[in-house]
C-alpha atoms as a PDB file:
ATOM      1  CA  UNK A   1       0.006   0.004   0.155  1.00  0.00           C
ATOM      2  CA  UNK A   2       2.514   2.739  -1.845  1.00  0.00           C
ATOM      3  CA  UNK A   3       1.111   5.797  -0.547  1.00  0.00           C
ATOM      4  CA  UNK A   4      -0.452   7.918  -3.675  1.00  0.00           C
ATOM      5  CA  UNK A   5      -0.403   4.841  -5.997  1.00  0.00           C
ATOM      6  CA  UNK A   6      -3.764   3.388  -5.384  1.00  0.00           C
ATOM      7  CA  UNK A   7      -7.078   4.171  -7.474  1.00  0.00           C
ATOM      8  CA  UNK A   8      -9.514   6.176  -5.500  1.00  0.00           C
ATOM      9  CA  UNK A   9     -13.030   4.587  -4.061  1.00  0.00           C
ATOM     10  CA  UNK A  10     -15.902   7.043  -5.034  1.00  0.00           C
ATOM     11  CA  UNK A  11     -17.968   6.185  -1.796  1.00  0.00           C
ATOM     12  CA  UNK A  12     -17.485   6.035   2.357  1.00  0.00           C
ATOM     13  CA  UNK A  13     -15.705   2.748   3.128  1.00  0.00           C
ATOM     14  CA  UNK A  14     -17.327   1.447   6.295  1.00  0.00           C
ATOM     15  CA  UNK A  15     -15.339  -1.346   8.425  1.00  0.00           C
ATOM     16  CA  UNK A  16     -17.399  -3.611  10.570  1.00  0.00           C
ATOM     17  CA  UNK A  17     -15.427  -5.035  13.325  1.00  0.00           C
ATOM     18  CA  UNK A  18     -12.971  -1.862  12.890  1.00  0.00           C
ATOM     19  CA  UNK A  19     -11.689  -1.723  16.531  1.00  0.00           C
ATOM     20  CA  UNK A  20      -9.665  -4.859  16.778  1.00  0.00           C
ATOM     21  CA  UNK A  21      -5.989  -5.196  14.461  1.00  0.00           C
ATOM     22  CA  UNK A  22      -6.999  -6.253  11.012  1.00  0.00           C
ATOM     23  CA  UNK A  23      -9.730  -3.539  11.067  1.00  0.00           C
ATOM     24  CA  UNK A  24      -7.801  -0.877  12.507  1.00  0.00           C
ATOM     25  CA  UNK A  25      -5.147  -1.553  10.105  1.00  0.00           C
ATOM     26  CA  UNK A  26      -7.609  -1.605   6.747  1.00  0.00           C
ATOM     27  CA  UNK A  27      -9.243   1.789   7.906  1.00  0.00           C
ATOM     28  CA  UNK A  28      -5.766   3.209   8.635  1.00  0.00           C
ATOM     29  CA  UNK A  29      -4.486   2.469   4.736  1.00  0.00           C
ATOM     30  CA  UNK A  30      -7.315   3.340   3.216  1.00  0.00           C
ATOM     31  CA  UNK A  31      -7.416   6.575   5.502  1.00  0.00           C
ATOM     32  CA  UNK A  32      -3.813   7.594   4.156  1.00  0.00           C
ATOM     33  CA  UNK A  33      -5.037   6.711   0.879  1.00  0.00           C
ATOM     34  CA  UNK A  34      -7.550   9.661   0.991  1.00  0.00           C
ATOM     35  CA  UNK A  35     -10.499   7.602   1.546  1.00  0.00           C
ATOM     36  CA  UNK A  36     -13.774   8.358   3.652  1.00  0.00           C
ATOM     37  CA  UNK A  37     -13.624   5.593   6.546  1.00  0.00           C
ATOM     38  CA  UNK A  38     -15.955   4.822   9.188  1.00  0.00           C
ATOM     39  CA  UNK A  39     -14.732   2.619  11.850  1.00  0.00           C
ATOM     40  CA  UNK A  40     -17.519   0.718  13.097  1.00  0.00           C
ATOM     41  CA  UNK A  41     -18.041  -1.941  16.539  1.00  0.00           C
ATOM     42  CA  UNK A  42     -20.253  -3.092  19.306  1.00  0.00           C
ATOM     43  CA  UNK A  43     -19.665  -0.181  21.217  1.00  0.00           C
ATOM     44  CA  UNK A  44     -19.634   3.385  19.428  1.00  0.00           C
ATOM     45  CA  UNK A  45     -17.577   4.998  21.674  1.00  0.00           C
ATOM     46  CA  UNK A  46     -14.996   2.630  20.761  1.00  0.00           C
ATOM     47  CA  UNK A  47     -15.317   3.374  17.362  1.00  0.00           C
ATOM     48  CA  UNK A  48     -15.135   6.588  17.377  1.00  0.00           C
ATOM     49  CA  UNK A  49     -11.537   6.174  20.002  1.00  0.00           C
ATOM     50  CA  UNK A  50     -10.275   3.939  17.456  1.00  0.00           C
ATOM     51  CA  UNK A  51     -10.951   6.420  14.415  1.00  0.00           C
ATOM     52  CA  UNK A  52      -9.346   9.244  16.503  1.00  0.00           C
ATOM     53  CA  UNK A  53      -6.211   7.323  17.181  1.00  0.00           C
ATOM     54  CA  UNK A  54      -5.980   7.187  13.250  1.00  0.00           C
ATOM     55  CA  UNK A  55      -6.931  10.507  12.557  1.00  0.00           C
ATOM     56  CA  UNK A  56      -3.818  11.090  14.728  1.00  0.00           C
ATOM     57  CA  UNK A  57      -1.173   9.028  12.476  1.00  0.00           C
ATOM     58  CA  UNK A  58      -3.071  10.355   9.584  1.00  0.00           C
ATOM     59  CA  UNK A  59      -3.047  13.950  10.051  1.00  0.00           C
ATOM     60  CA  UNK A  60      -5.137  16.626   9.223  1.00  0.00           C
ATOM     61  CA  UNK A  61      -6.600  14.881   5.845  1.00  0.00           C
ATOM     62  CA  UNK A  62      -7.716  12.331   7.731  1.00  0.00           C
ATOM     63  CA  UNK A  63     -11.650  11.552   6.465  1.00  0.00           C
ATOM     64  CA  UNK A  64     -12.499   8.948   9.243  1.00  0.00           C
ATOM     65  CA  UNK A  65     -15.334   8.560  11.655  1.00  0.00           C
ATOM     66  CA  UNK A  66     -16.605   5.942  14.530  1.00  0.00           C
ATOM     67  CA  UNK A  67     -20.220   4.384  14.602  1.00  0.00           C
ATOM     68  CA  UNK A  68     -22.113   1.089  16.226  1.00  0.00           C
ATOM     69  CA  UNK A  69     -21.695  -1.385  13.496  1.00  0.00           C
ATOM     70  CA  UNK A  70     -25.698  -1.194  12.599  1.00  0.00           C
ATOM     71  CA  UNK A  71     -25.138   2.829  11.930  1.00  0.00           C
ATOM     72  CA  UNK A  72     -21.743   2.244  10.116  1.00  0.00           C
ATOM     73  CA  UNK A  73     -23.850  -0.351   7.705  1.00  0.00           C
ATOM     74  CA  UNK A  74     -26.395   2.356   7.253  1.00  0.00           C
ATOM     75  CA  UNK A  75     -24.514   5.027   6.634  1.00  0.00           C
ATOM     76  CA  UNK A  76     -22.659   3.430   3.461  1.00  0.00           C
ATOM     77  CA  UNK A  77     -22.723   0.602   0.731  1.00  0.00           C
ATOM     78  CA  UNK A  78     -19.346  -0.546   0.905  1.00  0.00           C
ATOM     79  CA  UNK A  79     -18.587  -2.367   3.880  1.00  0.00           C
ATOM     80  CA  UNK A  80     -15.557  -4.599   4.907  1.00  0.00           C
ATOM     81  CA  UNK A  81     -16.361  -7.143   7.600  1.00  0.00           C
ATOM     82  CA  UNK A  82     -13.538  -7.581   9.866  1.00  0.00           C
ATOM     83  CA  UNK A  83     -14.599  -9.933  12.788  1.00  0.00           C
ATOM     84  CA  UNK A  84     -13.241 -12.981  14.643  1.00  0.00           C
ATOM     85  CA  UNK A  85     -15.233 -15.777  12.791  1.00  0.00           C
ATOM     86  CA  UNK A  86     -16.881 -17.051  15.718  1.00  0.00           C
ATOM     87  CA  UNK A  87     -18.344 -13.718  16.186  1.00  0.00           C
ATOM     88  CA  UNK A  88     -19.211 -13.461  12.229  1.00  0.00           C
ATOM     89  CA  UNK A  89     -22.554 -15.271  11.558  1.00  0.00           C
ATOM     90  CA  UNK A  90     -24.161 -13.686  14.929  1.00  0.00           C
ATOM     91  CA  UNK A  91     -23.129 -10.377  13.740  1.00  0.00           C
ATOM     92  CA  UNK A  92     -24.329 -10.900  10.365  1.00  0.00           C
ATOM     93  CA  UNK A  93     -27.943 -11.700  11.371  1.00  0.00           C
ATOM     94  CA  UNK A  94     -27.781  -8.636  13.695  1.00  0.00           C
ATOM     95  CA  UNK A  95     -26.861  -6.072  11.145  1.00  0.00           C
ATOM     96  CA  UNK A  96     -29.027  -7.857   8.028  1.00  0.00           C
ATOM     97  CA  UNK A  97     -31.544  -5.100   8.595  1.00  0.00           C
ATOM     98  CA  UNK A  98     -29.395  -2.250   8.433  1.00  0.00           C
ATOM     99  CA  UNK A  99     -27.362  -3.528   4.735  1.00  0.00           C
ATOM    100  CA  UNK A 100     -29.087  -1.906   1.733  1.00  0.00           C
ATOM    101  CA  UNK A 101     -29.589  -4.226  -1.424  1.00  0.00           C
ATOM    102  CA  UNK A 102     -26.871  -2.982  -3.614  1.00  0.00           C
ATOM    103  CA  UNK A 103     -24.115  -2.729  -1.393  1.00  0.00           C
ATOM    104  CA  UNK A 104     -20.588  -4.657  -1.746  1.00  0.00           C
ATOM    105  CA  UNK A 105     -19.202  -6.671   1.524  1.00  0.00           C
ATOM    106  CA  UNK A 106     -15.722  -7.107   1.604  1.00  0.00           C
ATOM    107  CA  UNK A 107     -15.011 -10.251   3.845  1.00  0.00           C
ATOM    108  CA  UNK A 108     -11.739 -10.960   5.783  1.00  0.00           C
ATOM    109  CA  UNK A 109     -13.066 -13.164   8.065  1.00  0.00           C
ATOM    110  CA  UNK A 110     -10.590 -16.235   8.199  1.00  0.00           C
ATOM    111  CA  UNK A 111     -11.899 -19.261   9.618  1.00  0.00           C
ATOM    112  CA  UNK A 112      -9.088 -20.043  12.029  1.00  0.00           C
ATOM    113  CA  UNK A 113      -8.882 -23.151  14.206  1.00  0.00           C
ATOM    114  CA  UNK A 114      -8.373 -20.824  17.737  1.00  0.00           C
ATOM    115  CA  UNK A 115     -11.565 -19.639  17.767  1.00  0.00           C
ATOM    116  CA  UNK A 116     -13.053 -22.674  18.816  1.00  0.00           C
ATOM    117  CA  UNK A 117      -9.862 -23.851  21.086  1.00  0.00           C
ATOM    118  CA  UNK A 118      -7.558 -25.195  18.240  1.00  0.00           C
ATOM    119  CA  UNK A 119      -4.023 -24.081  16.736  1.00  0.00           C
ATOM    120  CA  UNK A 120      -4.452 -20.160  14.941  1.00  0.00           C
ATOM    121  CA  UNK A 121      -2.442 -21.941  12.495  1.00  0.00           C
ATOM    122  CA  UNK A 122      -5.002 -23.838  11.287  1.00  0.00           C
ATOM    123  CA  UNK A 123      -8.355 -23.326   9.305  1.00  0.00           C
ATOM    124  CA  UNK A 124     -11.516 -24.399  10.185  1.00  0.00           C
ATOM    125  CA  UNK A 125     -13.560 -26.652   7.351  1.00  0.00           C
ATOM    126  CA  UNK A 126     -17.177 -24.142   6.723  1.00  0.00           C
ATOM    127  CA  UNK A 127     -20.037 -26.153   5.701  1.00  0.00           C
ATOM    128  CA  UNK A 128     -20.829 -23.281   3.039  1.00  0.00           C
ATOM    129  CA  UNK A 129     -17.129 -23.880   1.634  1.00  0.00           C
ATOM    130  CA  UNK A 130     -15.596 -20.528   3.254  1.00  0.00           C
ATOM    131  CA  UNK A 131     -16.452 -17.438   5.296  1.00  0.00           C
ATOM    132  CA  UNK A 132     -17.388 -15.351   2.607  1.00  0.00           C
ATOM    133  CA  UNK A 133     -19.559 -18.113   1.372  1.00  0.00           C
ATOM    134  CA  UNK A 134     -20.787 -18.258   4.614  1.00  0.00           C
ATOM    135  CA  UNK A 135     -21.622 -14.486   4.495  1.00  0.00           C
ATOM    136  CA  UNK A 136     -22.863 -14.417   1.144  1.00  0.00           C
ATOM    137  CA  UNK A 137     -25.723 -16.942   2.808  1.00  0.00           C
ATOM    138  CA  UNK A 138     -26.846 -14.408   5.500  1.00  0.00           C
ATOM    139  CA  UNK A 139     -26.741 -11.223   3.197  1.00  0.00           C
ATOM    140  CA  UNK A 140     -30.442  -9.698   2.112  1.00  0.00           C
ATOM    141  CA  UNK A 141     -30.968 -10.453  -2.017  1.00  0.00           C
ATOM    142  CA  UNK A 142     -28.828  -7.451  -4.122  1.00  0.00           C
ATOM    143  CA  UNK A 143     -25.724  -7.864  -1.646  1.00  0.00           C
ATOM    144  CA  UNK A 144     -22.334  -8.727  -3.369  1.00  0.00           C
ATOM    145  CA  UNK A 145     -20.059 -10.564  -1.032  1.00  0.00           C
ATOM    146  CA  UNK A 146     -16.519 -10.477  -1.783  1.00  0.00           C
ATOM    147  CA  UNK A 147     -13.377 -12.698  -0.081  1.00  0.00           C
ATOM    148  CA  UNK A 148     -10.219 -10.422   0.948  1.00  0.00           C
ATOM    149  CA  UNK A 149      -7.545  -9.131   2.515  1.00  0.00           C
ATOM    150  CA  UNK A 150      -6.847 -12.661   4.144  1.00  0.00           C
ATOM    151  CA  UNK A 151      -3.325 -12.765   3.936  1.00  0.00           C
ATOM    152  CA  UNK A 152      -2.258  -9.530   4.628  1.00  0.00           C
ATOM    153  CA  UNK A 153      -0.723  -9.598   8.177  1.00  0.00           C
ATOM    154  CA  UNK A 154      -2.408  -7.097  10.800  1.00  0.00           C
ATOM    155  CA  UNK A 155       0.963  -5.765  11.978  1.00  0.00           C
ATOM    156  CA  UNK A 156       1.706  -5.370   8.385  1.00  0.00           C
ATOM    157  CA  UNK A 157      -1.343  -2.992   7.967  1.00  0.00           C
ATOM    158  CA  UNK A 158      -0.991  -1.030  11.278  1.00  0.00           C
ATOM    159  CA  UNK A 159       2.707  -0.362  10.646  1.00  0.00           C
ATOM    160  CA  UNK A 160       4.180   2.574   8.786  1.00  0.00           C
ATOM    161  CA  UNK A 161       6.178   0.861   6.018  1.00  0.00           C
ATOM    162  CA  UNK A 162       4.688   0.832   2.706  1.00  0.00           C
ATOM    163  CA  UNK A 163       3.314  -3.124   1.700  1.00  0.00           C
ATOM    164  CA  UNK A 164       5.579  -4.281  -1.111  1.00  0.00           C
ATOM    165  CA  UNK A 165       2.892  -5.257  -3.184  1.00  0.00           C
ATOM    166  CA  UNK A 166       5.280  -7.671  -5.233  1.00  0.00           C
ATOM    167  CA  UNK A 167       5.403  -9.946  -2.336  1.00  0.00           C
ATOM    168  CA  UNK A 168       2.359  -9.374   0.492  1.00  0.00           C
ATOM    169  CA  UNK A 169      -0.527  -8.886  -1.706  1.00  0.00           C
ATOM    170  CA  UNK A 170      -2.199 -10.423  -4.538  1.00  0.00           C
ATOM    171  CA  UNK A 171      -0.768  -9.212  -7.894  1.00  0.00           C
ATOM    172  CA  UNK A 172      -4.136  -9.595 -10.515  1.00  0.00           C
ATOM    173  CA  UNK A 173      -6.556  -7.604  -8.989  1.00  0.00           C
ATOM    174  CA  UNK A 174      -9.592  -7.234 -11.294  1.00  0.00           C
ATOM    175  CA  UNK A 175     -10.549  -4.184 -12.053  1.00  0.00           C
ATOM    176  CA  UNK A 176     -14.236  -5.122 -11.587  1.00  0.00           C
ATOM    177  CA  UNK A 177     -16.068  -7.443  -9.096  1.00  0.00           C
ATOM    178  CA  UNK A 178     -19.000  -9.439  -9.663  1.00  0.00           C
ATOM    179  CA  UNK A 179     -21.733 -10.741  -7.102  1.00  0.00           C
ATOM    180  CA  UNK A 180     -24.610 -13.065  -7.162  1.00  0.00           C
ATOM    181  CA  UNK A 181     -26.425 -10.519  -9.062  1.00  0.00           C
ATOM    182  CA  UNK A 182     -24.170 -10.584 -11.516  1.00  0.00           C
ATOM    183  CA  UNK A 183     -23.587  -6.714 -11.447  1.00  0.00           C
ATOM    184  CA  UNK A 184     -20.249  -5.730 -12.178  1.00  0.00           C
ATOM    185  CA  UNK A 185     -18.740  -2.867  -9.460  1.00  0.00           C
ATOM    186  CA  UNK A 186     -15.514  -1.101  -9.083  1.00  0.00           C
ATOM    187  CA  UNK A 187     -12.825  -3.034  -6.810  1.00  0.00           C
ATOM    188  CA  UNK A 188     -12.007  -1.090  -3.965  1.00  0.00           C
ATOM    189  CA  UNK A 189      -8.910  -3.324  -3.381  1.00  0.00           C
ATOM    190  CA  UNK A 190      -7.554  -1.155  -5.857  1.00  0.00           C
ATOM    191  CA  UNK A 191      -7.552   1.708  -3.066  1.00  0.00           C
ATOM    192  CA  UNK A 192      -5.258  -0.225  -0.507  1.00  0.00           C
ATOM    193  CA  UNK A 193      -2.150  -0.223  -3.511  1.00  0.00           C
END
């Protein structure tokens, strides 16, 4: 994620579960790239505190706010889910009424065995095939779900160093994404370059 090398996204990005390490790191990178970001959390005050910390790191041009998760979903149609696997399904069921048709939900959830007492180095089998496929089943009709950001370390995301996309990121990202509904949309991952 080299500053200034990405493509700007024309909509607000809401990071659901944005106070955890991965969510904070993604929000920080997007804020540095000039994107408008909402940090979501179960606790609005915690979301606001995380947003303020990100804004302090980014500086005066930061466009970061914090809201409770359902309010963050209602305020944006570009959502990034960064919660542990064990809470994913329950949270999505709670948020479903706040998520509008036409939204894009990027699921960064990794089903690690640590979520059920196993090793963090192992993943769980998910009946639907993947965490993102589980998310897609739980979303309202008309919501596009994409799995992404599974292999970028939260430590790296929260760092101050540029990310070497030759080594740390997937190289060939489509410029458009296609969801279950067949509709094509711009790929927000391009703003993370």
